[in-house]
Amino acid sequence: MIFRAHAKGQIEWDERLARCALGKAGVIAAADKREGDNKSPLGLWPIRHVLYRPDIYPDGPATSLPARPIAADDGWCDAPGDPAYNRPVKLPYPASAERLWRDDPVYDLVVVLGHNDDPPVAGLGSAIFLHLARDGYPGTEGCVALARDDVEALLAVARPGDAVEIVA
């Protein structure tokens, strides 16, 4: 199945249409995506796996996708010059890395998308996820963000081999 996220702020699958947030600076062709540009990359991104907060989801999320709990010291490297660029790391990490265990609920559920990961190319964007939206759906740093109920509904029907497509 393809979960299609439109630049106008909606995501669709099956018969469902839900609100979503994309990059605060809009969308951009994947070849033009750059680290820190606050743009979501256009294209079809395979769903790799799910990360979740075990204190929020003690039994894990209801999904047939591969899923694993995150720990307080989990991070994601966003330093283009580092060998672990666009890969999970343990914190503290000597290069720049985003903390996955956050004080807000944004990363309670994280769907890791296969953008710039096979292999990662320095500077072409990291940590492109589908995650929980902030109140009011403000733009993201390049991710796709949905309400908790919508992420849970997506995870309930997603299967290995499915993808998220970001379209203009």
N, C-alpha and C. Protein backbone atom coordinates (compact mmCIF):
# COMPACT_ATOMS: atom_id res chain seq x y z
N MET A 1 0.84 -1.18 0.00
CA MET A 1 0.00 0.00 0.00
C MET A 1 0.89 1.24 0.00
N ILE A 2 0.38 2.28 -0.65
CA ILE A 2 1.07 3.56 -0.64
C ILE A 2 0.24 4.55 0.16
N PHE A 3 0.91 5.20 1.10
CA PHE A 3 0.31 6.26 1.90
C PHE A 3 0.79 7.57 1.27
N ARG A 4 -0.13 8.30 0.63
CA ARG A 4 0.24 9.46 -0.18
C ARG A 4 0.04 10.76 0.59
N ALA A 5 1.15 11.45 0.87
CA ALA A 5 1.14 12.73 1.59
C ALA A 5 1.25 13.86 0.57
N HIS A 6 0.25 14.73 0.55
CA HIS A 6 0.20 15.84 -0.40
C HIS A 6 0.75 17.11 0.24
N ALA A 7 1.45 17.90 -0.56
CA ALA A 7 2.02 19.16 -0.07
C ALA A 7 0.96 20.08 0.50
N LYS A 8 -0.30 19.91 0.10
CA LYS A 8 -1.37 20.77 0.61
C LYS A 8 -1.77 20.41 2.05
N GLY A 9 -1.14 19.37 2.62
CA GLY A 9 -1.36 19.06 4.03
C GLY A 9 -2.36 17.95 4.30
N GLN A 10 -2.45 17.01 3.40
CA GLN A 10 -3.33 15.86 3.60
C GLN A 10 -2.59 14.59 3.23
N ILE A 11 -2.94 13.50 3.93
CA ILE A 11 -2.39 12.19 3.60
C ILE A 11 -3.58 11.26 3.36
N GLU A 12 -3.43 10.39 2.37
CA GLU A 12 -4.53 9.49 2.03
C GLU A 12 -4.04 8.05 1.89
N TRP A 13 -4.92 7.14 2.27
CA TRP A 13 -4.73 5.72 2.03
C TRP A 13 -6.09 5.06 2.12
N ASP A 14 -6.26 3.99 1.37
CA ASP A 14 -7.57 3.34 1.28
C ASP A 14 -8.63 4.42 1.06
N GLU A 15 -9.62 4.46 1.90
CA GLU A 15 -10.68 5.47 1.79
C GLU A 15 -10.49 6.60 2.79
N ARG A 16 -9.35 6.62 3.46
CA ARG A 16 -9.12 7.59 4.54
C ARG A 16 -8.36 8.81 4.01
N LEU A 17 -8.77 9.97 4.50
CA LEU A 17 -8.08 11.22 4.22
C LEU A 17 -7.86 11.91 5.55
N ALA A 18 -6.61 12.25 5.87
CA ALA A 18 -6.28 12.84 7.16
C ALA A 18 -5.39 14.05 6.95
N ARG A 19 -5.38 14.91 7.93
CA ARG A 19 -4.51 16.08 7.90
C ARG A 19 -3.08 15.65 8.19
N CYS A 20 -2.11 16.34 7.58
CA CYS A 20 -0.70 16.08 7.89
C CYS A 20 0.07 17.38 7.76
N ALA A 21 1.24 17.40 8.35
CA ALA A 21 2.17 18.51 8.19
C ALA A 21 3.39 17.99 7.45
N LEU A 22 3.93 18.81 6.58
CA LEU A 22 5.17 18.50 5.88
C LEU A 22 6.18 19.61 6.21
N GLY A 23 7.27 19.65 5.48
CA GLY A 23 8.34 20.60 5.76
C GLY A 23 7.87 22.05 5.86
N LYS A 24 8.38 22.75 6.87
CA LYS A 24 7.97 24.15 7.07
C LYS A 24 8.38 25.04 5.90
N ALA A 25 9.37 24.60 5.09
CA ALA A 25 9.77 25.35 3.90
C ALA A 25 9.20 24.71 2.63
N GLY A 26 8.26 23.78 2.78
CA GLY A 26 7.62 23.16 1.62
C GLY A 26 8.22 21.82 1.26
N VAL A 27 8.06 21.49 -0.02
CA VAL A 27 8.57 20.22 -0.55
C VAL A 27 9.60 20.53 -1.64
N ILE A 28 10.43 19.53 -1.93
CA ILE A 28 11.50 19.73 -2.91
C ILE A 28 11.81 18.39 -3.57
N ALA A 29 12.31 18.44 -4.80
CA ALA A 29 12.76 17.23 -5.47
C ALA A 29 13.83 16.56 -4.62
N ALA A 30 13.76 15.25 -4.51
CA ALA A 30 14.69 14.51 -3.65
C ALA A 30 16.14 14.82 -4.00
N ALA A 31 16.46 14.97 -5.28
CA ALA A 31 17.84 15.24 -5.70
C ALA A 31 18.34 16.59 -5.19
N ASP A 32 17.40 17.50 -4.88
CA ASP A 32 17.76 18.84 -4.41
C ASP A 32 17.67 18.98 -2.89
N LYS A 33 17.24 17.93 -2.19
CA LYS A 33 17.11 17.95 -0.74
C LYS A 33 18.49 18.16 -0.11
N ARG A 34 18.54 19.03 0.91
CA ARG A 34 19.79 19.28 1.62
C ARG A 34 19.53 19.26 3.12
N GLU A 35 20.51 18.80 3.86
CA GLU A 35 20.42 18.76 5.32
C GLU A 35 20.07 20.14 5.86
N GLY A 36 19.05 20.20 6.70
CA GLY A 36 18.69 21.44 7.37
C GLY A 36 17.86 22.41 6.55
N ASP A 37 17.37 22.01 5.35
CA ASP A 37 16.61 22.96 4.52
C ASP A 37 15.13 23.06 4.91
N ASN A 38 14.69 22.24 5.87
CA ASN A 38 13.29 22.25 6.33
C ASN A 38 12.29 21.93 5.22
N LYS A 39 12.72 21.14 4.25
CA LYS A 39 11.84 20.74 3.14
C LYS A 39 11.66 19.22 3.15
N SER A 40 10.46 18.80 2.78
CA SER A 40 10.18 17.36 2.66
C SER A 40 10.54 16.91 1.25
N PRO A 41 11.23 15.79 1.12
CA PRO A 41 11.64 15.31 -0.20
C PRO A 41 10.49 14.63 -0.94
N LEU A 42 10.22 15.10 -2.16
CA LEU A 42 9.23 14.45 -3.00
C LEU A 42 9.73 13.06 -3.38
N GLY A 43 8.84 12.10 -3.45
CA GLY A 43 9.23 10.76 -3.88
C GLY A 43 8.53 9.69 -3.08
N LEU A 44 8.84 8.47 -3.43
CA LEU A 44 8.27 7.27 -2.82
C LEU A 44 9.31 6.69 -1.86
N TRP A 45 8.97 6.66 -0.56
CA TRP A 45 9.93 6.26 0.47
C TRP A 45 9.43 5.01 1.18
N PRO A 46 10.15 3.90 1.03
CA PRO A 46 9.73 2.67 1.70
C PRO A 46 9.73 2.83 3.22
N ILE A 47 8.76 2.17 3.84
CA ILE A 47 8.72 2.15 5.30
C ILE A 47 9.73 1.10 5.76
N ARG A 48 10.68 1.52 6.56
CA ARG A 48 11.73 0.61 7.05
C ARG A 48 11.29 -0.12 8.32
N HIS A 49 10.90 0.65 9.34
CA HIS A 49 10.48 0.08 10.62
C HIS A 49 9.87 1.17 11.48
N VAL A 50 9.41 0.76 12.66
CA VAL A 50 8.76 1.67 13.59
C VAL A 50 9.57 1.72 14.88
N LEU A 51 9.72 2.91 15.43
CA LEU A 51 10.32 3.12 16.74
C LEU A 51 9.22 3.65 17.65
N TYR A 52 9.25 3.26 18.92
CA TYR A 52 8.19 3.73 19.82
C TYR A 52 8.71 3.87 21.24
N ARG A 53 8.02 4.73 22.00
CA ARG A 53 8.31 4.93 23.42
C ARG A 53 7.66 3.79 24.21
N PRO A 54 8.43 2.95 24.88
CA PRO A 54 7.84 1.83 25.62
C PRO A 54 7.05 2.27 26.85
N ASP A 55 7.31 3.47 27.36
CA ASP A 55 6.51 3.95 28.49
C ASP A 55 5.12 4.41 28.04
N ILE A 56 4.96 4.71 26.76
CA ILE A 56 3.67 5.12 26.20
C ILE A 56 2.96 3.91 25.59
N TYR A 57 3.72 3.04 24.94
CA TYR A 57 3.20 1.83 24.30
C TYR A 57 3.89 0.61 24.90
N PRO A 58 3.51 0.20 26.12
CA PRO A 58 4.22 -0.90 26.79
C PRO A 58 4.20 -2.21 26.01
N ASP A 59 3.15 -2.46 25.25
CA ASP A 59 3.07 -3.67 24.43
C ASP A 59 3.47 -3.41 22.99
N GLY A 60 3.97 -2.23 22.71
CA GLY A 60 4.31 -1.84 21.35
C GLY A 60 3.06 -1.42 20.60
N PRO A 61 3.23 -0.74 19.47
CA PRO A 61 2.07 -0.32 18.68
C PRO A 61 1.45 -1.51 17.96
N ALA A 62 0.17 -1.41 17.65
CA ALA A 62 -0.53 -2.45 16.90
C ALA A 62 -0.14 -2.33 15.43
N THR A 63 0.79 -3.16 14.99
CA THR A 63 1.26 -3.11 13.60
C THR A 63 1.93 -4.43 13.24
N SER A 64 1.93 -4.73 11.94
CA SER A 64 2.68 -5.90 11.48
C SER A 64 4.06 -5.48 10.95
N LEU A 65 4.36 -4.19 11.04
CA LEU A 65 5.69 -3.71 10.64
C LEU A 65 6.71 -4.06 11.71
N PRO A 66 7.98 -4.21 11.33
CA PRO A 66 9.01 -4.38 12.35
C PRO A 66 9.02 -3.17 13.27
N ALA A 67 9.06 -3.41 14.57
CA ALA A 67 9.02 -2.31 15.53
C ALA A 67 9.96 -2.61 16.69
N ARG A 68 10.55 -1.54 17.22
CA ARG A 68 11.40 -1.70 18.39
C ARG A 68 11.26 -0.50 19.30
N PRO A 69 11.38 -0.73 20.61
CA PRO A 69 11.31 0.39 21.54
C PRO A 69 12.57 1.24 21.48
N ILE A 70 12.42 2.52 21.76
CA ILE A 70 13.58 3.38 21.88
C ILE A 70 13.96 3.48 23.35
N ALA A 71 15.19 3.86 23.58
CA ALA A 71 15.70 4.07 24.93
C ALA A 71 16.07 5.54 25.09
N ALA A 72 16.25 5.97 26.33
CA ALA A 72 16.54 7.37 26.62
C ALA A 72 17.82 7.85 25.96
N ASP A 73 18.74 6.94 25.63
CA ASP A 73 20.00 7.36 25.02
C ASP A 73 20.05 7.13 23.51
N ASP A 74 18.89 6.92 22.89
CA ASP A 74 18.85 6.74 21.44
C ASP A 74 18.84 8.07 20.72
N GLY A 75 19.60 8.15 19.64
CA GLY A 75 19.65 9.35 18.81
C GLY A 75 19.73 8.97 17.35
N TRP A 76 19.76 10.00 16.50
CA TRP A 76 19.86 9.80 15.04
C TRP A 76 20.86 10.82 14.53
N CYS A 77 21.94 10.37 13.94
CA CYS A 77 23.02 11.25 13.50
C CYS A 77 22.58 12.11 12.31
N ASP A 78 22.76 13.43 12.45
CA ASP A 78 22.43 14.35 11.37
C ASP A 78 23.64 15.19 10.94
N ALA A 79 24.83 14.68 11.23
CA ALA A 79 26.08 15.36 10.86
C ALA A 79 26.59 14.79 9.54
N PRO A 80 26.47 15.55 8.43
CA PRO A 80 26.81 15.01 7.12
C PRO A 80 28.21 14.41 7.00
N GLY A 81 29.18 14.94 7.73
CA GLY A 81 30.54 14.43 7.62
C GLY A 81 30.84 13.22 8.48
N ASP A 82 29.88 12.75 9.25
CA ASP A 82 30.11 11.64 10.17
C ASP A 82 29.80 10.30 9.50
N PRO A 83 30.57 9.25 9.80
CA PRO A 83 30.30 7.93 9.21
C PRO A 83 28.92 7.37 9.57
N ALA A 84 28.32 7.84 10.66
CA ALA A 84 27.00 7.35 11.07
C ALA A 84 25.87 8.26 10.55
N TYR A 85 26.17 9.13 9.60
CA TYR A 85 25.16 10.04 9.06
C TYR A 85 23.91 9.30 8.63
N ASN A 86 22.77 9.81 9.07
CA ASN A 86 21.44 9.24 8.79
C ASN A 86 21.31 7.81 9.29
N ARG A 87 21.89 7.59 10.45
CA ARG A 87 21.82 6.27 11.11
C ARG A 87 21.53 6.49 12.59
N PRO A 88 20.95 5.46 13.24
CA PRO A 88 20.75 5.56 14.69
C PRO A 88 22.09 5.50 15.41
N VAL A 89 22.17 6.23 16.53
CA VAL A 89 23.38 6.27 17.36
C VAL A 89 22.96 6.27 18.83
N LYS A 90 23.92 6.03 19.69
CA LYS A 90 23.70 6.14 21.14
C LYS A 90 24.26 7.48 21.61
N LEU A 91 23.50 8.14 22.47
CA LEU A 91 23.90 9.44 23.01
C LEU A 91 24.57 9.27 24.36
N PRO A 92 25.50 10.12 24.74
CA PRO A 92 25.99 11.22 23.91
C PRO A 92 26.82 10.69 22.74
N TYR A 93 26.74 11.41 21.64
CA TYR A 93 27.46 11.03 20.43
C TYR A 93 28.38 12.19 20.07
N PRO A 94 29.60 11.91 19.58
CA PRO A 94 30.56 13.00 19.36
C PRO A 94 30.18 13.97 18.23
N ALA A 95 29.31 13.55 17.32
CA ALA A 95 28.85 14.45 16.24
C ALA A 95 27.40 14.84 16.52
N SER A 96 26.89 15.74 15.73
CA SER A 96 25.51 16.19 15.90
C SER A 96 24.54 15.02 15.71
N ALA A 97 23.60 14.90 16.66
CA ALA A 97 22.61 13.83 16.60
C ALA A 97 21.33 14.30 17.28
N GLU A 98 20.21 13.95 16.68
CA GLU A 98 18.91 14.29 17.23
C GLU A 98 18.53 13.27 18.29
N ARG A 99 17.99 13.75 19.40
CA ARG A 99 17.52 12.87 20.48
C ARG A 99 16.17 12.29 20.09
N LEU A 100 16.01 10.96 20.17
CA LEU A 100 14.75 10.32 19.85
C LEU A 100 13.78 10.29 21.04
N TRP A 101 14.31 10.20 22.25
CA TRP A 101 13.47 10.20 23.46
C TRP A 101 13.29 11.67 23.84
N ARG A 102 12.13 12.23 23.51
CA ARG A 102 11.90 13.66 23.65
C ARG A 102 10.98 13.98 24.81
N ASP A 103 11.01 15.24 25.23
CA ASP A 103 10.12 15.72 26.28
C ASP A 103 8.70 15.95 25.76
N ASP A 104 8.57 16.18 24.45
CA ASP A 104 7.24 16.32 23.85
C ASP A 104 6.85 14.97 23.22
N PRO A 105 5.60 14.82 22.77
CA PRO A 105 5.15 13.52 22.26
C PRO A 105 5.47 13.24 20.79
N VAL A 106 6.17 14.14 20.11
CA VAL A 106 6.38 14.03 18.67
C VAL A 106 6.96 12.68 18.24
N TYR A 107 7.90 12.14 19.01
CA TYR A 107 8.52 10.87 18.65
C TYR A 107 8.03 9.70 19.51
N ASP A 108 6.83 9.81 20.07
CA ASP A 108 6.25 8.64 20.76
C ASP A 108 6.13 7.47 19.79
N LEU A 109 5.80 7.77 18.54
CA LEU A 109 5.75 6.79 17.44
C LEU A 109 6.50 7.38 16.27
N VAL A 110 7.46 6.66 15.74
CA VAL A 110 8.27 7.13 14.62
C VAL A 110 8.28 6.03 13.56
N VAL A 111 7.88 6.39 12.35
CA VAL A 111 7.96 5.47 11.22
C VAL A 111 9.19 5.91 10.42
N VAL A 112 10.22 5.09 10.40
CA VAL A 112 11.46 5.42 9.70
C VAL A 112 11.25 5.17 8.21
N LEU A 113 11.47 6.22 7.41
CA LEU A 113 11.30 6.12 5.96
C LEU A 113 12.66 5.95 5.28
N GLY A 114 12.65 5.26 4.17
CA GLY A 114 13.89 4.95 3.45
C GLY A 114 14.35 6.07 2.54
N HIS A 115 14.53 7.26 3.09
CA HIS A 115 15.08 8.38 2.33
C HIS A 115 16.58 8.50 2.61
N ASN A 116 17.38 8.53 1.56
CA ASN A 116 18.83 8.73 1.68
C ASN A 116 19.47 7.78 2.68
N ASP A 117 19.13 6.49 2.56
CA ASP A 117 19.66 5.55 3.54
C ASP A 117 20.33 4.32 2.94
N ASP A 118 20.39 4.22 1.61
CA ASP A 118 20.87 2.97 1.02
C ASP A 118 21.79 3.20 -0.17
N PRO A 119 22.99 3.72 0.05
CA PRO A 119 23.59 4.19 1.31
C PRO A 119 23.30 5.68 1.50
N PRO A 120 23.50 6.18 2.73
CA PRO A 120 23.34 7.61 2.94
C PRO A 120 24.40 8.40 2.18
N VAL A 121 23.97 9.51 1.59
CA VAL A 121 24.90 10.42 0.91
C VAL A 121 24.98 11.69 1.75
N ALA A 122 26.19 12.04 2.13
CA ALA A 122 26.40 13.19 3.02
C ALA A 122 25.70 14.44 2.50
N GLY A 123 24.89 15.03 3.39
CA GLY A 123 24.25 16.30 3.10
C GLY A 123 22.92 16.25 2.39
N LEU A 124 22.47 15.06 1.94
CA LEU A 124 21.22 14.97 1.19
C LEU A 124 19.99 14.76 2.07
N GLY A 125 20.14 14.94 3.37
CA GLY A 125 19.00 14.87 4.28
C GLY A 125 19.01 13.63 5.13
N SER A 126 18.66 13.82 6.40
CA SER A 126 18.64 12.71 7.35
C SER A 126 17.36 12.77 8.17
N ALA A 127 17.07 11.66 8.83
CA ALA A 127 15.95 11.57 9.78
C ALA A 127 14.63 12.00 9.15
N ILE A 128 14.35 11.51 7.96
CA ILE A 128 13.05 11.77 7.34
C ILE A 128 12.11 10.67 7.84
N PHE A 129 11.24 11.06 8.75
CA PHE A 129 10.34 10.15 9.44
C PHE A 129 8.88 10.53 9.17
N LEU A 130 8.00 9.62 9.52
CA LEU A 130 6.59 9.93 9.72
C LEU A 130 6.40 9.84 11.22
N HIS A 131 5.90 10.90 11.84
CA HIS A 131 5.79 10.94 13.30
C HIS A 131 4.55 11.71 13.72
N LEU A 132 4.39 11.93 15.01
CA LEU A 132 3.22 12.63 15.53
C LEU A 132 3.34 14.13 15.29
N ALA A 133 2.21 14.74 14.94
CA ALA A 133 2.17 16.18 14.67
C ALA A 133 2.08 16.96 15.98
N ARG A 134 2.63 18.14 15.96
CA ARG A 134 2.45 19.08 17.07
C ARG A 134 1.06 19.69 16.95
N ASP A 135 0.57 20.24 18.05
CA ASP A 135 -0.72 20.93 18.03
C ASP A 135 -0.73 22.00 16.95
N GLY A 136 -1.79 22.04 16.17
CA GLY A 136 -1.92 23.04 15.12
C GLY A 136 -1.23 22.67 13.82
N TYR A 137 -0.55 21.53 13.77
CA TYR A 137 0.13 21.04 12.57
C TYR A 137 1.14 22.03 11.98
N PRO A 138 2.04 22.58 12.79
CA PRO A 138 3.07 23.44 12.19
C PRO A 138 3.99 22.59 11.32
N GLY A 139 4.69 23.23 10.39
CA GLY A 139 5.60 22.53 9.50
C GLY A 139 6.70 21.80 10.26
N THR A 140 7.23 20.79 9.62
CA THR A 140 8.28 19.95 10.21
C THR A 140 9.64 20.36 9.64
N GLU A 141 10.68 19.65 10.04
CA GLU A 141 12.01 19.89 9.49
C GLU A 141 12.24 19.07 8.22
N GLY A 142 11.18 18.44 7.71
CA GLY A 142 11.26 17.66 6.49
C GLY A 142 10.46 16.36 6.57
N CYS A 143 9.94 16.07 7.74
CA CYS A 143 9.18 14.84 7.96
C CYS A 143 7.72 15.00 7.56
N VAL A 144 6.98 13.90 7.71
CA VAL A 144 5.53 13.88 7.57
C VAL A 144 4.99 13.68 8.98
N ALA A 145 4.06 14.55 9.42
CA ALA A 145 3.53 14.47 10.78
C ALA A 145 2.01 14.38 10.76
N LEU A 146 1.48 13.46 11.56
CA LEU A 146 0.04 13.20 11.63
C LEU A 146 -0.39 13.19 13.09
N ALA A 147 -1.70 13.31 13.31
CA ALA A 147 -2.25 13.15 14.65
C ALA A 147 -2.00 11.72 15.13
N ARG A 148 -1.92 11.55 16.44
CA ARG A 148 -1.66 10.23 17.02
C ARG A 148 -2.65 9.18 16.50
N ASP A 149 -3.96 9.50 16.50
CA ASP A 149 -4.95 8.54 16.03
C ASP A 149 -4.70 8.13 14.58
N ASP A 150 -4.26 9.07 13.76
CA ASP A 150 -4.00 8.76 12.36
C ASP A 150 -2.74 7.92 12.19
N VAL A 151 -1.70 8.20 12.97
CA VAL A 151 -0.50 7.35 12.91
C VAL A 151 -0.86 5.93 13.36
N GLU A 152 -1.61 5.81 14.43
CA GLU A 152 -2.02 4.48 14.91
C GLU A 152 -2.86 3.76 13.86
N ALA A 153 -3.77 4.47 13.18
CA ALA A 153 -4.59 3.86 12.13
C ALA A 153 -3.72 3.43 10.94
N LEU A 154 -2.75 4.25 10.58
CA LEU A 154 -1.83 3.90 9.49
C LEU A 154 -1.04 2.65 9.85
N LEU A 155 -0.51 2.61 11.07
CA LEU A 155 0.29 1.46 11.50
C LEU A 155 -0.54 0.18 11.54
N ALA A 156 -1.82 0.31 11.86
CA ALA A 156 -2.68 -0.88 11.94
C ALA A 156 -2.88 -1.55 10.59
N VAL A 157 -2.81 -0.79 9.49
CA VAL A 157 -3.02 -1.38 8.16
C VAL A 157 -1.73 -1.54 7.36
N ALA A 158 -0.65 -0.90 7.79
CA ALA A 158 0.62 -0.97 7.05
C ALA A 158 1.22 -2.37 7.13
N ARG A 159 1.85 -2.76 6.05
CA ARG A 159 2.49 -4.06 5.95
C ARG A 159 3.93 -3.88 5.46
N PRO A 160 4.81 -4.82 5.75
CA PRO A 160 6.15 -4.74 5.18
C PRO A 160 6.06 -4.59 3.66
N GLY A 161 6.87 -3.72 3.12
CA GLY A 161 6.85 -3.44 1.69
C GLY A 161 6.04 -2.20 1.32
N ASP A 162 5.26 -1.66 2.27
CA ASP A 162 4.49 -0.44 2.01
C ASP A 162 5.42 0.78 1.99
N ALA A 163 4.88 1.89 1.50
CA ALA A 163 5.70 3.09 1.36
C ALA A 163 4.86 4.34 1.59
N VAL A 164 5.56 5.42 1.90
CA VAL A 164 4.97 6.76 1.97
C VAL A 164 5.45 7.51 0.76
N GLU A 165 4.51 8.10 0.04
CA GLU A 165 4.85 8.91 -1.13
C GLU A 165 4.53 10.37 -0.80
N ILE A 166 5.52 11.24 -0.97
CA ILE A 166 5.32 12.67 -0.79
C ILE A 166 5.18 13.28 -2.18
N VAL A 167 4.03 13.93 -2.41
CA VAL A 167 3.71 14.49 -3.71
C VAL A 167 3.42 15.98 -3.59
N ALA A 168 3.64 16.71 -4.70
CA ALA A 168 3.37 18.15 -4.72
C ALA A 168 1.88 18.42 -4.76
